[in-house]
Amino acid sequence: MDFFRPRRVRLVNARAVTLLAGSPGGRNGRADMALRRALAALGKEAPTLAYLGCAAGESVPFRLMISKLLKACGCGQIVNVDLGGRRPDLSAARSGLDGADAVFVSGGDVELGMAALDRHGLSPYLRSLAGQGKPFIGLSAGSIMLGRSWIRWRDPLDDASAEIFPCLAVAPLVCDTHDEADGWTELRALLRLLPEGSDGWGIPSGGDLLARPDGTVTWTGRPPAHFRSTPKGIQAV
């Protein structure tokens, strides 16, 4: 398997999309370096980030933890795009997204995060920003949200209840993060529901995936797993 050869996909974003896996259970040098590289690629000293924490239910302790990591890796101001409460200030949310140098989509639960964005009408707005050239960085569940779609089970005990739900499609691919220990089971399940010939990417702990404007998918850290749905099942590429 030639993991190191860049793959090509068709991009709709005007800028590179950076998808990070992070390191569940603690930080390590690889995870910090991947994030540091992503922030440096913005080309601005101490860039301002719009922080989307809806996948974590707007958890303040989680945001403070991630914000500390972001600042240690070179981030300047962090603008919290708060979608919590019954009536969040959507005008302030859009203003924060507009004014930031990049949008950072943090981790948590993919379905929870997408439900919040869709409920408040921000999914089309984020896609519009991406099309205008706003850089996006995802971390863990945030990376999955920036892809095309993800999978859920109406009944966790019934494999037949699996279904696809749409994500932001800022990066025109599907991916999973830090699931190498379990063999990328959810990503494989998703590919079984997608059309034949669909590709999926598994970003390992501490790794990154860069979806570039010319359609090239590359990485700077640990190589990703790459799968494709075929008539013979899900195959590693």
C-alpha atoms as a PDB file:
ATOM      1  CA  MET A   1       0.000   0.000   0.000  1.00  0.00           C
ATOM      2  CA  ASP A   2       1.462   3.317  -1.107  1.00  0.00           C
ATOM      3  CA  PHE A   3       0.263   5.610   1.675  1.00  0.00           C
ATOM      4  CA  PHE A   4       2.788   8.308   0.834  1.00  0.00           C
ATOM      5  CA  ARG A   5       1.637   9.127  -2.695  1.00  0.00           C
ATOM      6  CA  PRO A   6      -0.680  12.195  -2.664  1.00  0.00           C
ATOM      7  CA  ARG A   7      -4.274  11.469  -3.645  1.00  0.00           C
ATOM      8  CA  ARG A   8      -6.532  13.770  -5.601  1.00  0.00           C
ATOM      9  CA  VAL A   9     -10.074  14.866  -4.876  1.00  0.00           C
ATOM     10  CA  ARG A  10     -12.165  17.682  -6.312  1.00  0.00           C
ATOM     11  CA  LEU A  11     -12.213  20.660  -3.936  1.00  0.00           C
ATOM     12  CA  VAL A  12     -14.933  23.232  -3.549  1.00  0.00           C
ATOM     13  CA  ASN A  13     -13.096  25.327  -0.945  1.00  0.00           C
ATOM     14  CA  ALA A  14     -10.944  28.206  -2.160  1.00  0.00           C
ATOM     15  CA  ARG A  15      -8.328  27.454   0.504  1.00  0.00           C
ATOM     16  CA  ALA A  16      -6.716  24.369   1.967  1.00  0.00           C
ATOM     17  CA  VAL A  17      -8.729  22.608   4.661  1.00  0.00           C
ATOM     18  CA  THR A  18      -6.673  21.219   7.539  1.00  0.00           C
ATOM     19  CA  LEU A  19      -8.052  18.111   9.222  1.00  0.00           C
ATOM     20  CA  LEU A  20      -6.384  17.074  12.485  1.00  0.00           C
ATOM     21  CA  ALA A  21      -6.934  13.922  14.515  1.00  0.00           C
ATOM     22  CA  GLY A  22      -5.577  15.138  17.845  1.00  0.00           C
ATOM     23  CA  SER A  23      -4.510  12.717  20.547  1.00  0.00           C
ATOM     24  CA  PRO A  24      -7.285  11.355  22.799  1.00  0.00           C
ATOM     25  CA  GLY A  25      -6.160  10.796  26.354  1.00  0.00           C
ATOM     26  CA  GLY A  26      -3.436  13.390  26.316  1.00  0.00           C
ATOM     27  CA  ARG A  27      -1.161  15.594  24.274  1.00  0.00           C
ATOM     28  CA  ASN A  28       1.955  14.490  22.443  1.00  0.00           C
ATOM     29  CA  GLY A  29       4.595  16.148  20.300  1.00  0.00           C
ATOM     30  CA  ARG A  30       3.091  14.992  17.024  1.00  0.00           C
ATOM     31  CA  ALA A  31      -0.328  16.453  17.792  1.00  0.00           C
ATOM     32  CA  ASP A  32       1.165  19.772  18.853  1.00  0.00           C
ATOM     33  CA  MET A  33       3.384  19.926  15.761  1.00  0.00           C
ATOM     34  CA  ALA A  34       0.458  19.205  13.440  1.00  0.00           C
ATOM     35  CA  LEU A  35      -1.543  22.045  14.997  1.00  0.00           C
ATOM     36  CA  ARG A  36       1.470  24.332  15.004  1.00  0.00           C
ATOM     37  CA  ARG A  37       1.974  23.698  11.293  1.00  0.00           C
ATOM     38  CA  ALA A  38      -1.704  24.374  10.597  1.00  0.00           C
ATOM     39  CA  LEU A  39      -1.574  27.738  12.364  1.00  0.00           C
ATOM     40  CA  ALA A  40       1.720  28.703  10.719  1.00  0.00           C
ATOM     41  CA  ALA A  41       0.225  27.929   7.302  1.00  0.00           C
ATOM     42  CA  LEU A  42      -2.243  30.788   7.816  1.00  0.00           C
ATOM     43  CA  GLY A  43       0.685  33.120   7.130  1.00  0.00           C
ATOM     44  CA  LYS A  44      -0.067  35.521   9.952  1.00  0.00           C
ATOM     45  CA  GLU A  45       1.637  36.001  13.309  1.00  0.00           C
ATOM     46  CA  ALA A  46      -0.691  35.093  16.201  1.00  0.00           C
ATOM     47  CA  PRO A  47      -3.786  34.567  14.014  1.00  0.00           C
ATOM     48  CA  THR A  48      -7.285  35.078  15.375  1.00  0.00           C
ATOM     49  CA  LEU A  49      -9.439  31.947  15.397  1.00  0.00           C
ATOM     50  CA  ALA A  50     -13.215  31.651  15.532  1.00  0.00           C
ATOM     51  CA  TYR A  51     -13.791  28.706  17.879  1.00  0.00           C
ATOM     52  CA  LEU A  52     -16.802  26.461  17.162  1.00  0.00           C
ATOM     53  CA  GLY A  53     -17.381  24.231  20.178  1.00  0.00           C
ATOM     54  CA  CYS A  54     -20.904  23.005  19.391  1.00  0.00           C
ATOM     55  CA  ALA A  55     -19.739  19.373  19.034  1.00  0.00           C
ATOM     56  CA  ALA A  56     -18.742  19.481  22.709  1.00  0.00           C
ATOM     57  CA  GLY A  57     -22.057  21.020  23.770  1.00  0.00           C
ATOM     58  CA  GLU A  58     -20.345  24.392  24.325  1.00  0.00           C
ATOM     59  CA  SER A  59     -18.396  22.883  27.235  1.00  0.00           C
ATOM     60  CA  VAL A  60     -16.424  25.657  28.923  1.00  0.00           C
ATOM     61  CA  PRO A  61     -13.749  23.381  30.499  1.00  0.00           C
ATOM     62  CA  PHE A  62     -13.188  21.701  27.132  1.00  0.00           C
ATOM     63  CA  ARG A  63     -12.933  25.065  25.369  1.00  0.00           C
ATOM     64  CA  LEU A  64     -10.443  26.360  27.924  1.00  0.00           C
ATOM     65  CA  MET A  65      -8.333  23.220  27.534  1.00  0.00           C
ATOM     66  CA  ILE A  66      -8.284  23.460  23.726  1.00  0.00           C
ATOM     67  CA  SER A  67      -7.741  27.229  23.839  1.00  0.00           C
ATOM     68  CA  LYS A  68      -4.646  26.703  25.985  1.00  0.00           C
ATOM     69  CA  LEU A  69      -3.310  24.266  23.401  1.00  0.00           C
ATOM     70  CA  LEU A  70      -4.126  26.637  20.536  1.00  0.00           C
ATOM     71  CA  LYS A  71      -2.262  29.505  22.186  1.00  0.00           C
ATOM     72  CA  ALA A  72       0.726  27.268  22.925  1.00  0.00           C
ATOM     73  CA  CYS A  73       0.845  26.438  19.216  1.00  0.00           C
ATOM     74  CA  GLY A  74       0.854  30.056  18.039  1.00  0.00           C
ATOM     75  CA  CYS A  75      -2.750  31.269  18.090  1.00  0.00           C
ATOM     76  CA  GLY A  76      -3.509  34.829  19.161  1.00  0.00           C
ATOM     77  CA  GLN A  77      -7.086  35.821  19.996  1.00  0.00           C
ATOM     78  CA  ILE A  78      -9.753  33.123  20.218  1.00  0.00           C
ATOM     79  CA  VAL A  79     -13.315  34.270  19.498  1.00  0.00           C
ATOM     80  CA  ASN A  80     -15.870  31.876  20.954  1.00  0.00           C
ATOM     81  CA  VAL A  81     -18.792  31.307  18.579  1.00  0.00           C
ATOM     82  CA  ASP A  82     -21.308  30.380  21.271  1.00  0.00           C
ATOM     83  CA  LEU A  83     -24.367  28.471  20.079  1.00  0.00           C
ATOM     84  CA  GLY A  84     -25.514  27.447  23.546  1.00  0.00           C
ATOM     85  CA  GLY A  85     -28.732  28.406  25.264  1.00  0.00           C
ATOM     86  CA  ARG A  86     -32.220  28.662  23.832  1.00  0.00           C
ATOM     87  CA  ARG A  87     -31.558  31.821  21.827  1.00  0.00           C
ATOM     88  CA  PRO A  88     -27.879  32.266  20.955  1.00  0.00           C
ATOM     89  CA  ASP A  89     -26.781  35.572  19.458  1.00  0.00           C
ATOM     90  CA  LEU A  90     -26.451  34.519  15.815  1.00  0.00           C
ATOM     91  CA  SER A  91     -25.478  38.010  14.707  1.00  0.00           C
ATOM     92  CA  ALA A  92     -22.507  37.883  17.071  1.00  0.00           C
ATOM     93  CA  ALA A  93     -21.722  34.364  15.882  1.00  0.00           C
ATOM     94  CA  ARG A  94     -21.565  35.453  12.230  1.00  0.00           C
ATOM     95  CA  SER A  95     -19.523  38.526  13.162  1.00  0.00           C
ATOM     96  CA  GLY A  96     -17.010  36.343  14.996  1.00  0.00           C
ATOM     97  CA  LEU A  97     -16.748  33.973  12.033  1.00  0.00           C
ATOM     98  CA  ASP A  98     -16.351  36.855   9.575  1.00  0.00           C
ATOM     99  CA  GLY A  99     -13.650  38.641  11.535  1.00  0.00           C
ATOM    100  CA  ALA A 100     -11.398  35.682  12.296  1.00  0.00           C
ATOM    101  CA  ASP A 101      -8.377  34.668  10.252  1.00  0.00           C
ATOM    102  CA  ALA A 102      -9.624  31.070  10.291  1.00  0.00           C
ATOM    103  CA  VAL A 103     -12.459  28.944  11.646  1.00  0.00           C
ATOM    104  CA  PHE A 104     -11.508  26.225  14.124  1.00  0.00           C
ATOM    105  CA  VAL A 105     -14.043  23.408  14.532  1.00  0.00           C
ATOM    106  CA  SER A 106     -13.313  21.572  17.752  1.00  0.00           C
ATOM    107  CA  GLY A 107     -13.985  17.996  18.814  1.00  0.00           C
ATOM    108  CA  GLY A 108     -16.773  16.220  20.626  1.00  0.00           C
ATOM    109  CA  ASP A 109     -19.733  14.470  19.010  1.00  0.00           C
ATOM    110  CA  VAL A 110     -20.236  14.850  15.250  1.00  0.00           C
ATOM    111  CA  GLU A 111     -24.020  14.462  15.269  1.00  0.00           C
ATOM    112  CA  LEU A 112     -24.429  16.889  18.188  1.00  0.00           C
ATOM    113  CA  GLY A 113     -22.268  19.481  16.451  1.00  0.00           C
ATOM    114  CA  MET A 114     -24.037  19.228  13.092  1.00  0.00           C
ATOM    115  CA  ALA A 115     -27.456  19.368  14.743  1.00  0.00           C
ATOM    116  CA  ALA A 116     -26.530  22.663  16.408  1.00  0.00           C
ATOM    117  CA  LEU A 117     -25.174  24.200  13.195  1.00  0.00           C
ATOM    118  CA  ASP A 118     -28.204  23.085  11.183  1.00  0.00           C
ATOM    119  CA  ARG A 119     -30.666  24.170  13.863  1.00  0.00           C
ATOM    120  CA  HIS A 120     -29.289  27.704  13.853  1.00  0.00           C
ATOM    121  CA  GLY A 121     -28.847  27.927  10.094  1.00  0.00           C
ATOM    122  CA  LEU A 122     -25.069  28.248  10.218  1.00  0.00           C
ATOM    123  CA  SER A 123     -24.172  25.299   7.977  1.00  0.00           C
ATOM    124  CA  PRO A 124     -24.869  27.180   4.704  1.00  0.00           C
ATOM    125  CA  TYR A 125     -23.130  30.233   6.130  1.00  0.00           C
ATOM    126  CA  LEU A 126     -19.978  28.247   6.900  1.00  0.00           C
ATOM    127  CA  ARG A 127     -19.994  26.734   3.409  1.00  0.00           C
ATOM    128  CA  SER A 128     -20.279  30.230   1.974  1.00  0.00           C
ATOM    129  CA  LEU A 129     -17.295  31.428   4.016  1.00  0.00           C
ATOM    130  CA  ALA A 130     -15.265  28.463   2.797  1.00  0.00           C
ATOM    131  CA  GLY A 131     -16.140  29.258  -0.795  1.00  0.00           C
ATOM    132  CA  GLN A 132     -14.967  32.833  -0.244  1.00  0.00           C
ATOM    133  CA  GLY A 133     -11.565  31.567   0.891  1.00  0.00           C
ATOM    134  CA  LYS A 134     -11.860  31.463   4.686  1.00  0.00           C
ATOM    135  CA  PRO A 135      -9.399  28.843   6.026  1.00  0.00           C
ATOM    136  CA  PHE A 136     -10.855  26.020   8.125  1.00  0.00           C
ATOM    137  CA  ILE A 137      -9.141  23.793  10.669  1.00  0.00           C
ATOM    138  CA  GLY A 138     -10.869  20.782  12.202  1.00  0.00           C
ATOM    139  CA  LEU A 139      -9.855  18.746  15.228  1.00  0.00           C
ATOM    140  CA  SER A 140     -11.122  15.204  15.846  1.00  0.00           C
ATOM    141  CA  ALA A 141     -14.930  15.308  15.473  1.00  0.00           C
ATOM    142  CA  GLY A 142     -14.485  18.770  13.957  1.00  0.00           C
ATOM    143  CA  SER A 143     -12.484  17.224  11.113  1.00  0.00           C
ATOM    144  CA  ILE A 144     -15.282  14.751  10.424  1.00  0.00           C
ATOM    145  CA  MET A 145     -17.809  17.607  10.450  1.00  0.00           C
ATOM    146  CA  LEU A 146     -15.814  19.435   7.779  1.00  0.00           C
ATOM    147  CA  GLY A 147     -16.160  16.395   5.508  1.00  0.00           C
ATOM    148  CA  ARG A 148     -19.135  15.380   3.399  1.00  0.00           C
ATOM    149  CA  SER A 149     -21.022  13.039   5.695  1.00  0.00           C
ATOM    150  CA  TRP A 150     -20.929  10.700   8.682  1.00  0.00           C
ATOM    151  CA  ILE A 151     -22.774   7.670  10.026  1.00  0.00           C
ATOM    152  CA  ARG A 152     -25.169   7.052  12.922  1.00  0.00           C
ATOM    153  CA  TRP A 153     -27.245   4.141  14.175  1.00  0.00           C
ATOM    154  CA  ARG A 154     -30.895   4.657  15.086  1.00  0.00           C
ATOM    155  CA  ASP A 155     -30.496   1.556  17.271  1.00  0.00           C
ATOM    156  CA  PRO A 156     -26.909   1.055  18.531  1.00  0.00           C
ATOM    157  CA  LEU A 157     -27.590  -2.690  18.839  1.00  0.00           C
ATOM    158  CA  ASP A 158     -28.852  -3.083  15.260  1.00  0.00           C
ATOM    159  CA  ASP A 159     -26.318  -2.782  12.420  1.00  0.00           C
ATOM    160  CA  ALA A 160     -29.195  -2.553   9.933  1.00  0.00           C
ATOM    161  CA  SER A 161     -30.242   0.761  11.484  1.00  0.00           C
ATOM    162  CA  ALA A 162     -27.108   2.530  10.228  1.00  0.00           C
ATOM    163  CA  GLU A 163     -27.719   5.662   8.152  1.00  0.00           C
ATOM    164  CA  ILE A 164     -25.749   8.519   6.657  1.00  0.00           C
ATOM    165  CA  PHE A 165     -26.247  12.145   7.631  1.00  0.00           C
ATOM    166  CA  PRO A 166     -24.734  15.182   5.879  1.00  0.00           C
ATOM    167  CA  CYS A 167     -21.912  17.276   7.265  1.00  0.00           C
ATOM    168  CA  LEU A 168     -20.481  20.603   6.087  1.00  0.00           C
ATOM    169  CA  ALA A 169     -18.690  19.350   2.937  1.00  0.00           C
ATOM    170  CA  VAL A 170     -16.101  22.088   3.275  1.00  0.00           C
ATOM    171  CA  ALA A 171     -13.600  19.327   2.489  1.00  0.00           C
ATOM    172  CA  PRO A 172     -15.074  17.077  -0.260  1.00  0.00           C
ATOM    173  CA  LEU A 173     -14.152  13.773   1.337  1.00  0.00           C
ATOM    174  CA  VAL A 174     -15.144  11.571   4.257  1.00  0.00           C
ATOM    175  CA  CYS A 175     -12.777  10.837   7.098  1.00  0.00           C
ATOM    176  CA  ASP A 176     -12.487   9.468  10.605  1.00  0.00           C
ATOM    177  CA  THR A 177      -9.937  10.312  13.275  1.00  0.00           C
ATOM    178  CA  HIS A 178      -7.803   8.417  15.815  1.00  0.00           C
ATOM    179  CA  ASP A 179      -9.614   5.089  15.418  1.00  0.00           C
ATOM    180  CA  GLU A 180      -6.620   3.063  14.299  1.00  0.00           C
ATOM    181  CA  ALA A 181      -6.802   0.785  17.365  1.00  0.00           C
ATOM    182  CA  ASP A 182     -10.296  -0.387  16.329  1.00  0.00           C
ATOM    183  CA  GLY A 183      -9.443  -0.775  12.650  1.00  0.00           C
ATOM    184  CA  TRP A 184     -11.524   2.217  11.474  1.00  0.00           C
ATOM    185  CA  THR A 185     -14.779   0.312  11.960  1.00  0.00           C
ATOM    186  CA  GLU A 186     -17.114   3.324  11.678  1.00  0.00           C
ATOM    187  CA  LEU A 187     -15.359   4.623   8.576  1.00  0.00           C
ATOM    188  CA  ARG A 188     -15.664   1.201   6.955  1.00  0.00           C
ATOM    189  CA  ALA A 189     -19.349   1.065   7.894  1.00  0.00           C
ATOM    190  CA  LEU A 190     -19.877   4.477   6.305  1.00  0.00           C
ATOM    191  CA  LEU A 191     -18.184   3.385   3.086  1.00  0.00           C
ATOM    192  CA  ARG A 192     -20.499   0.369   2.860  1.00  0.00           C
ATOM    193  CA  LEU A 193     -23.430   2.801   2.618  1.00  0.00           C
ATOM    194  CA  LEU A 194     -21.768   5.097   0.080  1.00  0.00           C
ATOM    195  CA  PRO A 195     -21.673   4.475  -3.694  1.00  0.00           C
ATOM    196  CA  GLU A 196     -19.149   2.019  -5.046  1.00  0.00           C
ATOM    197  CA  GLY A 197     -15.790   3.675  -5.651  1.00  0.00           C
ATOM    198  CA  SER A 198     -16.118   6.047  -2.680  1.00  0.00           C
ATOM    199  CA  ASP A 199     -12.943   6.803  -0.746  1.00  0.00           C
ATOM    200  CA  GLY A 200     -12.500   7.298   2.991  1.00  0.00           C
ATOM    201  CA  TRP A 201      -9.542   8.540   4.998  1.00  0.00           C
ATOM    202  CA  GLY A 202      -8.493   7.494   8.488  1.00  0.00           C
ATOM    203  CA  ILE A 203      -6.379  10.172  10.174  1.00  0.00           C
ATOM    204  CA  PRO A 204      -4.323   8.537  12.957  1.00  0.00           C
ATOM    205  CA  SER A 205      -3.677  10.034  16.393  1.00  0.00           C
ATOM    206  CA  GLY A 206      -1.412  13.035  16.042  1.00  0.00           C
ATOM    207  CA  GLY A 207      -1.847  13.076  12.276  1.00  0.00           C
ATOM    208  CA  ASP A 208      -3.155  15.597   9.790  1.00  0.00           C
ATOM    209  CA  LEU A 209      -4.718  15.648   6.341  1.00  0.00           C
ATOM    210  CA  LEU A 210      -4.529  18.678   4.064  1.00  0.00           C
ATOM    211  CA  ALA A 211      -7.156  19.106   1.341  1.00  0.00           C
ATOM    212  CA  ARG A 212      -5.453  21.578  -1.000  1.00  0.00           C
ATOM    213  CA  PRO A 213      -7.012  23.989  -3.536  1.00  0.00           C
ATOM    214  CA  ASP A 214      -5.583  22.077  -6.518  1.00  0.00           C
ATOM    215  CA  GLY A 215      -7.364  18.923  -5.371  1.00  0.00           C
ATOM    216  CA  THR A 216      -4.332  17.227  -3.831  1.00  0.00           C
ATOM    217  CA  VAL A 217      -4.710  15.491  -0.491  1.00  0.00           C
ATOM    218  CA  THR A 218      -1.437  15.424   1.424  1.00  0.00           C
ATOM    219  CA  TRP A 219      -0.180  15.010   4.974  1.00  0.00           C
ATOM    220  CA  THR A 220       2.849  16.133   6.948  1.00  0.00           C
ATOM    221  CA  GLY A 221       2.763  13.752   9.898  1.00  0.00           C
ATOM    222  CA  ARG A 222       1.785  10.118  10.260  1.00  0.00           C
ATOM    223  CA  PRO A 223       0.379   8.682   7.020  1.00  0.00           C
ATOM    224  CA  PRO A 224      -3.390   8.190   6.944  1.00  0.00           C
ATOM    225  CA  ALA A 225      -5.244   4.986   6.184  1.00  0.00           C
ATOM    226  CA  HIS A 226      -7.019   5.104   2.846  1.00  0.00           C
ATOM    227  CA  PHE A 227      -9.995   2.887   1.990  1.00  0.00           C
ATOM    228  CA  ARG A 228     -12.249   2.471  -1.035  1.00  0.00           C
ATOM    229  CA  SER A 229     -15.590   0.723  -1.494  1.00  0.00           C
ATOM    230  CA  THR A 230     -15.333  -1.909  -4.243  1.00  0.00           C
ATOM    231  CA  PRO A 231     -17.459  -4.806  -5.525  1.00  0.00           C
ATOM    232  CA  LYS A 232     -15.357  -7.040  -3.255  1.00  0.00           C
ATOM    233  CA  GLY A 233     -15.975  -4.906  -0.166  1.00  0.00           C
ATOM    234  CA  ILE A 234     -13.960  -2.219   1.566  1.00  0.00           C
ATOM    235  CA  GLN A 235     -10.352  -2.357   0.395  1.00  0.00           C
ATOM    236  CA  ALA A 236      -7.250  -0.573   1.644  1.00  0.00           C
ATOM    237  CA  VAL A 237      -5.738   1.563  -1.137  1.00  0.00           C
END
